[in-house]
Each structure stands twice: as C-alpha cells, then as structure tokens.
C-alpha cells in the first residue's frame, strides 16, 4: 500500500498504479513519478503531476512511465 488512509493506492508490478476510493467523500493522494502516466481505466479520478484526485466511489488505473 502506498497510503495509510483513503484513497487506497498500490502498485501492481513495477508500472501499474491502482487507486480506489471506497467511501462517499472525495480523497486525494500525492505520489512521485506520475508524470507521463497513461490512464488505462478511470472513473471519477484524475492524475495531475504528483496529485491523484478521486471522487467518492471512484477509481483509476494508470500505467506509469518507465523509471
């Protein structure tokens, strides 16, 4: 896990970021290395620079740029 609270965030392998917000309130998380990330499946979430914003019950899956 990349975060102790909400949203839930974790890496799948080395290059896939998964962020899920299972609650009604919006949530955000700051993470390094999000530049040039490619959205794979996103519903109610956005990724800008180092910030991921997730609406209530939203989620996002991004492929991260090569590190």
PDB file of N, CA and C in Angstrom:
ATOM      1  N   UNK A   1       0.839  -1.174   0.000  1.00  0.00           N
ATOM      2  CA  UNK A   1       0.000   0.000   0.000  1.00  0.00           C
ATOM      3  C   UNK A   1       0.889   1.244   0.000  1.00  0.00           C
ATOM      4  N   UNK A   2       0.450   2.243  -0.730  1.00  0.00           N
ATOM      5  CA  UNK A   2       1.192   3.492  -0.818  1.00  0.00           C
ATOM      6  C   UNK A   2       0.626   4.569   0.101  1.00  0.00           C
ATOM      7  N   UNK A   3      -0.489   4.275   0.767  1.00  0.00           N
ATOM      8  CA  UNK A   3      -1.180   5.258   1.582  1.00  0.00           C
ATOM      9  C   UNK A   3      -1.813   4.552   2.773  1.00  0.00           C
ATOM     10  N   UNK A   4      -1.772   5.184   3.957  1.00  0.00           N
ATOM     11  CA  UNK A   4      -2.365   4.571   5.145  1.00  0.00           C
ATOM     12  C   UNK A   4      -3.869   4.803   5.251  1.00  0.00           C
ATOM     13  N   UNK A   5      -4.385   5.809   4.552  1.00  0.00           N
ATOM     14  CA  UNK A   5      -5.812   6.120   4.622  1.00  0.00           C
ATOM     15  C   UNK A   5      -6.460   5.956   3.266  1.00  0.00           C
ATOM     16  N   UNK A   6      -7.433   6.824   3.017  1.00  0.00           N
ATOM     17  CA  UNK A   6      -8.116   6.812   1.724  1.00  0.00           C
ATOM     18  C   UNK A   6      -7.582   7.937   0.866  1.00  0.00           C
ATOM     19  N   UNK A   7      -7.433   7.726  -0.408  1.00  0.00           N
ATOM     20  CA  UNK A   7      -7.822   6.545  -1.160  1.00  0.00           C
ATOM     21  C   UNK A   7      -6.822   5.409  -0.962  1.00  0.00           C
ATOM     22  N   UNK A   8      -7.268   4.208  -1.250  1.00  0.00           N
ATOM     23  CA  UNK A   8      -6.384   3.052  -1.250  1.00  0.00           C
ATOM     24  C   UNK A   8      -5.533   3.136  -2.508  1.00  0.00           C
ATOM     25  N   UNK A   9      -4.244   2.961  -2.375  1.00  0.00           N
ATOM     26  CA  UNK A   9      -3.350   3.080  -3.535  1.00  0.00           C
ATOM     27  C   UNK A   9      -2.256   2.029  -3.425  1.00  0.00           C
ATOM     28  N   UNK A  10      -1.995   1.364  -4.550  1.00  0.00           N
ATOM     29  CA  UNK A  10      -0.919   0.369  -4.568  1.00  0.00           C
ATOM     30  C   UNK A  10      -0.381   0.219  -5.978  1.00  0.00           C
ATOM     31  N   UNK A  11       0.832  -0.331  -6.063  1.00  0.00           N
ATOM     32  CA  UNK A  11       1.443  -0.628  -7.353  1.00  0.00           C
ATOM     33  C   UNK A  11       1.201  -2.081  -7.695  1.00  0.00           C
ATOM     34  N   UNK A  12       0.892  -2.326  -8.921  1.00  0.00           N
ATOM     35  CA  UNK A  12       0.730  -3.682  -9.454  1.00  0.00           C
ATOM     36  C   UNK A  12       1.934  -3.902 -10.352  1.00  0.00           C
ATOM     37  N   UNK A  13       2.850  -4.712  -9.910  1.00  0.00           N
ATOM     38  CA  UNK A  13       4.110  -4.840 -10.636  1.00  0.00           C
ATOM     39  C   UNK A  13       4.919  -3.566 -10.442  1.00  0.00           C
ATOM     40  N   UNK A  14       5.714  -3.216 -11.449  1.00  0.00           N
ATOM     41  CA  UNK A  14       6.544  -2.015 -11.353  1.00  0.00           C
ATOM     42  C   UNK A  14       5.919  -0.805 -12.015  1.00  0.00           C
ATOM     43  N   UNK A  15       4.885  -1.008 -12.835  1.00  0.00           N
ATOM     44  CA  UNK A  15       4.457   0.116 -13.670  1.00  0.00           C
ATOM     45  C   UNK A  15       2.953   0.373 -13.730  1.00  0.00           C
ATOM     46  N   UNK A  16       2.166  -0.246 -12.869  1.00  0.00           N
ATOM     47  CA  UNK A  16       0.718  -0.003 -12.883  1.00  0.00           C
ATOM     48  C   UNK A  16       0.285   0.498 -11.505  1.00  0.00           C
ATOM     49  N   UNK A  17      -0.294   1.693 -11.480  1.00  0.00           N
ATOM     50  CA  UNK A  17      -0.803   2.299 -10.258  1.00  0.00           C
ATOM     51  C   UNK A  17      -2.313   2.100 -10.193  1.00  0.00           C
ATOM     52  N   UNK A  18      -2.790   1.591  -9.059  1.00  0.00           N
ATOM     53  CA  UNK A  18      -4.217   1.384  -8.835  1.00  0.00           C
ATOM     54  C   UNK A  18      -4.622   2.240  -7.635  1.00  0.00           C
ATOM     55  N   UNK A  19      -5.651   3.071  -7.821  1.00  0.00           N
ATOM     56  CA  UNK A  19      -6.148   3.932  -6.747  1.00  0.00           C
ATOM     57  C   UNK A  19      -7.667   3.748  -6.658  1.00  0.00           C
ATOM     58  N   UNK A  20      -8.164   3.465  -5.458  1.00  0.00           N
ATOM     59  CA  UNK A  20      -9.592   3.198  -5.240  1.00  0.00           C
ATOM     60  C   UNK A  20     -10.071   4.014  -4.039  1.00  0.00           C
ATOM     61  N   UNK A  21     -11.205   4.676  -4.193  1.00  0.00           N
ATOM     62  CA  UNK A  21     -11.806   5.393  -3.075  1.00  0.00           C
ATOM     63  C   UNK A  21     -13.164   4.750  -2.757  1.00  0.00           C
ATOM     64  N   UNK A  22     -13.224   3.883  -1.742  1.00  0.00           N
ATOM     65  CA  UNK A  22     -14.461   3.174  -1.440  1.00  0.00           C
ATOM     66  C   UNK A  22     -15.442   3.944  -0.556  1.00  0.00           C
ATOM     67  N   UNK A  23     -15.158   5.209  -0.314  1.00  0.00           N
ATOM     68  CA  UNK A  23     -16.071   5.977   0.535  1.00  0.00           C
ATOM     69  C   UNK A  23     -16.777   7.066  -0.264  1.00  0.00           C
ATOM     70  N   UNK A  24     -17.766   7.692   0.332  1.00  0.00           N
ATOM     71  CA  UNK A  24     -18.587   8.701  -0.346  1.00  0.00           C
ATOM     72  C   UNK A  24     -17.831  10.013  -0.578  1.00  0.00           C
ATOM     73  N   UNK A  25     -16.980  10.423   0.361  1.00  0.00           N
ATOM     74  CA  UNK A  25     -16.243  11.676   0.263  1.00  0.00           C
ATOM     75  C   UNK A  25     -15.075  11.555  -0.705  1.00  0.00           C
ATOM     76  N   UNK A  26     -14.746  12.662  -1.353  1.00  0.00           N
ATOM     77  CA  UNK A  26     -13.579  12.697  -2.240  1.00  0.00           C
ATOM     78  C   UNK A  26     -12.310  12.505  -1.425  1.00  0.00           C
ATOM     79  N   UNK A  27     -11.253  12.061  -2.104  1.00  0.00           N
ATOM     80  CA  UNK A  27      -9.966  11.850  -1.439  1.00  0.00           C
ATOM     81  C   UNK A  27      -8.852  12.183  -2.416  1.00  0.00           C
ATOM     82  N   UNK A  28      -7.678  12.428  -1.892  1.00  0.00           N
ATOM     83  CA  UNK A  28      -6.524  12.711  -2.741  1.00  0.00           C
ATOM     84  C   UNK A  28      -5.277  12.109  -2.128  1.00  0.00           C
ATOM     85  N   UNK A  29      -4.293  11.898  -2.988  1.00  0.00           N
ATOM     86  CA  UNK A  29      -3.006  11.365  -2.550  1.00  0.00           C
ATOM     87  C   UNK A  29      -1.922  11.988  -3.418  1.00  0.00           C
ATOM     88  N   UNK A  30      -0.794  12.308  -2.815  1.00  0.00           N
ATOM     89  CA  UNK A  30       0.362  12.832  -3.552  1.00  0.00           C
ATOM     90  C   UNK A  30       1.393  11.712  -3.688  1.00  0.00           C
ATOM     91  N   UNK A  31       1.828  11.496  -4.919  1.00  0.00           N
ATOM     92  CA  UNK A  31       2.805  10.459  -5.219  1.00  0.00           C
ATOM     93  C   UNK A  31       3.809  10.985  -6.237  1.00  0.00           C
ATOM     94  N   UNK A  32       5.050  10.621  -6.089  1.00  0.00           N
ATOM     95  CA  UNK A  32       6.072  10.980  -7.072  1.00  0.00           C
ATOM     96  C   UNK A  32       6.001  10.044  -8.270  1.00  0.00           C
ATOM     97  N   UNK A  33       6.475  10.509  -9.413  1.00  0.00           N
ATOM     98  CA  UNK A  33       6.598   9.655 -10.589  1.00  0.00           C
ATOM     99  C   UNK A  33       5.335   9.495 -11.410  1.00  0.00           C
ATOM    100  N   UNK A  34       4.404  10.448 -11.323  1.00  0.00           N
ATOM    101  CA  UNK A  34       3.158  10.335 -12.082  1.00  0.00           C
ATOM    102  C   UNK A  34       3.217  11.039 -13.432  1.00  0.00           C
ATOM    103  N   UNK A  35       4.291  11.775 -13.683  1.00  0.00           N
ATOM    104  CA  UNK A  35       4.419  12.451 -14.979  1.00  0.00           C
ATOM    105  C   UNK A  35       4.363  11.439 -16.111  1.00  0.00           C
ATOM    106  N   UNK A  36       3.673  11.780 -17.161  1.00  0.00           N
ATOM    107  CA  UNK A  36       3.543  10.925 -18.352  1.00  0.00           C
ATOM    108  C   UNK A  36       2.866   9.585 -18.061  1.00  0.00           C
ATOM    109  N   UNK A  37       2.047   9.523 -17.014  1.00  0.00           N
ATOM    110  CA  UNK A  37       1.306   8.292 -16.759  1.00  0.00           C
ATOM    111  C   UNK A  37       0.171   8.189 -17.781  1.00  0.00           C
ATOM    112  N   UNK A  38      -0.158   6.971 -18.142  1.00  0.00           N
ATOM    113  CA  UNK A  38      -1.200   6.704 -19.149  1.00  0.00           C
ATOM    114  C   UNK A  38      -2.423   6.097 -18.472  1.00  0.00           C
ATOM    115  N   UNK A  39      -3.583   6.763 -18.555  1.00  0.00           N
ATOM    116  CA  UNK A  39      -4.777   6.181 -17.943  1.00  0.00           C
ATOM    117  C   UNK A  39      -5.211   4.921 -18.690  1.00  0.00           C
ATOM    118  N   UNK A  40      -5.449   3.855 -17.953  1.00  0.00           N
ATOM    119  CA  UNK A  40      -5.922   2.607 -18.554  1.00  0.00           C
ATOM    120  C   UNK A  40      -7.429   2.468 -18.355  1.00  0.00           C
ATOM    121  N   UNK A  41      -7.880   2.601 -17.114  1.00  0.00           N
ATOM    122  CA  UNK A  41      -9.310   2.585 -16.779  1.00  0.00           C
ATOM    123  C   UNK A  41      -9.496   3.601 -15.661  1.00  0.00           C
ATOM    124  N   UNK A  42     -10.341   4.596 -15.902  1.00  0.00           N
ATOM    125  CA  UNK A  42     -10.533   5.649 -14.911  1.00  0.00           C
ATOM    126  C   UNK A  42     -12.014   6.002 -14.825  1.00  0.00           C
ATOM    127  N   UNK A  43     -12.515   6.078 -13.604  1.00  0.00           N
ATOM    128  CA  UNK A  43     -13.899   6.511 -13.380  1.00  0.00           C
ATOM    129  C   UNK A  43     -13.922   7.385 -12.124  1.00  0.00           C
ATOM    130  N   UNK A  44     -14.107   8.676 -12.335  1.00  0.00           N
ATOM    131  CA  UNK A  44     -14.161   9.592 -11.203  1.00  0.00           C
ATOM    132  C   UNK A  44     -12.821   9.877 -10.579  1.00  0.00           C
ATOM    133  N   UNK A  45     -11.759   9.843 -11.375  1.00  0.00           N
ATOM    134  CA  UNK A  45     -10.418  10.110 -10.847  1.00  0.00           C
ATOM    135  C   UNK A  45      -9.612  10.891 -11.874  1.00  0.00           C
ATOM    136  N   UNK A  46      -8.648  11.652 -11.385  1.00  0.00           N
ATOM    137  CA  UNK A  46      -7.751  12.371 -12.280  1.00  0.00           C
ATOM    138  C   UNK A  46      -6.349  12.366 -11.687  1.00  0.00           C
ATOM    139  N   UNK A  47      -5.381  12.456 -12.558  1.00  0.00           N
ATOM    140  CA  UNK A  47      -3.979  12.407 -12.165  1.00  0.00           C
ATOM    141  C   UNK A  47      -3.267  13.589 -12.813  1.00  0.00           C
ATOM    142  N   UNK A  48      -2.729  14.486 -11.991  1.00  0.00           N
ATOM    143  CA  UNK A  48      -2.006  15.648 -12.486  1.00  0.00           C
ATOM    144  C   UNK A  48      -0.711  15.801 -11.714  1.00  0.00           C
ATOM    145  N   UNK A  49       0.390  15.777 -12.422  1.00  0.00           N
ATOM    146  CA  UNK A  49       1.719  15.870 -11.806  1.00  0.00           C
ATOM    147  C   UNK A  49       1.872  14.855 -10.694  1.00  0.00           C
ATOM    148  N   UNK A  50       1.877  15.297  -9.440  1.00  0.00           N
ATOM    149  CA  UNK A  50       2.080  14.370  -8.316  1.00  0.00           C
ATOM    150  C   UNK A  50       0.809  14.182  -7.479  1.00  0.00           C
ATOM    151  N   UNK A  51      -0.347  14.587  -8.012  1.00  0.00           N
ATOM    152  CA  UNK A  51      -1.592  14.529  -7.249  1.00  0.00           C
ATOM    153  C   UNK A  51      -2.636  13.671  -7.965  1.00  0.00           C
ATOM    154  N   UNK A  52      -3.217  12.737  -7.231  1.00  0.00           N
ATOM    155  CA  UNK A  52      -4.336  11.943  -7.729  1.00  0.00           C
ATOM    156  C   UNK A  52      -5.569  12.347  -6.926  1.00  0.00           C
ATOM    157  N   UNK A  53      -6.591  12.820  -7.620  1.00  0.00           N
ATOM    158  CA  UNK A  53      -7.866  13.186  -7.005  1.00  0.00           C
ATOM    159  C   UNK A  53      -8.889  12.117  -7.371  1.00  0.00           C
ATOM    160  N   UNK A  54      -9.630  11.633  -6.369  1.00  0.00           N
ATOM    161  CA  UNK A  54     -10.603  10.571  -6.613  1.00  0.00           C
ATOM    162  C   UNK A  54     -11.928  10.962  -5.970  1.00  0.00           C
ATOM    163  N   UNK A  55     -12.980  11.010  -6.775  1.00  0.00           N
ATOM    164  CA  UNK A  55     -14.322  11.291  -6.263  1.00  0.00           C
ATOM    165  C   UNK A  55     -14.792  10.127  -5.403  1.00  0.00           C
ATOM    166  N   UNK A  56     -15.879  10.334  -4.683  1.00  0.00           N
ATOM    167  CA  UNK A  56     -16.451   9.248  -3.897  1.00  0.00           C
ATOM    168  C   UNK A  56     -16.791   8.056  -4.777  1.00  0.00           C
ATOM    169  N   UNK A  57     -16.408   6.885  -4.345  1.00  0.00           N
ATOM    170  CA  UNK A  57     -16.613   5.614  -5.051  1.00  0.00           C
ATOM    171  C   UNK A  57     -15.910   5.571  -6.410  1.00  0.00           C
ATOM    172  N   UNK A  58     -14.938   6.443  -6.620  1.00  0.00           N
ATOM    173  CA  UNK A  58     -14.187   6.466  -7.878  1.00  0.00           C
ATOM    174  C   UNK A  58     -12.954   5.585  -7.816  1.00  0.00           C
ATOM    175  N   UNK A  59     -12.346   5.396  -8.973  1.00  0.00           N
ATOM    176  CA  UNK A  59     -11.127   4.592  -9.054  1.00  0.00           C
ATOM    177  C   UNK A  59     -10.340   4.978 -10.298  1.00  0.00           C
ATOM    178  N   UNK A  60      -9.095   4.585 -10.327  1.00  0.00           N
ATOM    179  CA  UNK A  60      -8.269   4.810 -11.511  1.00  0.00           C
ATOM    180  C   UNK A  60      -7.135   3.805 -11.569  1.00  0.00           C
ATOM    181  N   UNK A  61      -6.792   3.448 -12.797  1.00  0.00           N
ATOM    182  CA  UNK A  61      -5.658   2.561 -13.060  1.00  0.00           C
ATOM    183  C   UNK A  61      -4.819   3.242 -14.120  1.00  0.00           C
ATOM    184  N   UNK A  62      -3.549   3.484 -13.810  1.00  0.00           N
ATOM    185  CA  UNK A  62      -2.641   4.154 -14.736  1.00  0.00           C
ATOM    186  C   UNK A  62      -1.391   3.332 -14.955  1.00  0.00           C
ATOM    187  N   UNK A  63      -0.887   3.365 -16.184  1.00  0.00           N
ATOM    188  CA  UNK A  63       0.427   2.781 -16.477  1.00  0.00           C
ATOM    189  C   UNK A  63       1.430   3.899 -16.287  1.00  0.00           C
ATOM    190  N   UNK A  64       2.433   3.670 -15.454  1.00  0.00           N
ATOM    191  CA  UNK A  64       3.433   4.668 -15.163  1.00  0.00           C
ATOM    192  C   UNK A  64       4.519   4.645 -16.226  1.00  0.00           C
ATOM    193  N   UNK A  65       5.116   5.805 -16.468  1.00  0.00           N
ATOM    194  CA  UNK A  65       6.218   5.909 -17.426  1.00  0.00           C
ATOM    195  C   UNK A  65       7.398   5.101 -16.899  1.00  0.00           C
ATOM    196  N   UNK A  66       8.243   4.677 -17.818  1.00  0.00           N
ATOM    197  CA  UNK A  66       9.425   3.900 -17.432  1.00  0.00           C
ATOM    198  C   UNK A  66      10.266   4.698 -16.432  1.00  0.00           C
ATOM    199  N   UNK A  67      10.753   4.018 -15.444  1.00  0.00           N
ATOM    200  CA  UNK A  67      11.536   4.693 -14.394  1.00  0.00           C
ATOM    201  C   UNK A  67      13.005   4.491 -14.598  1.00  0.00           C
TER     202      UNK A  67
END
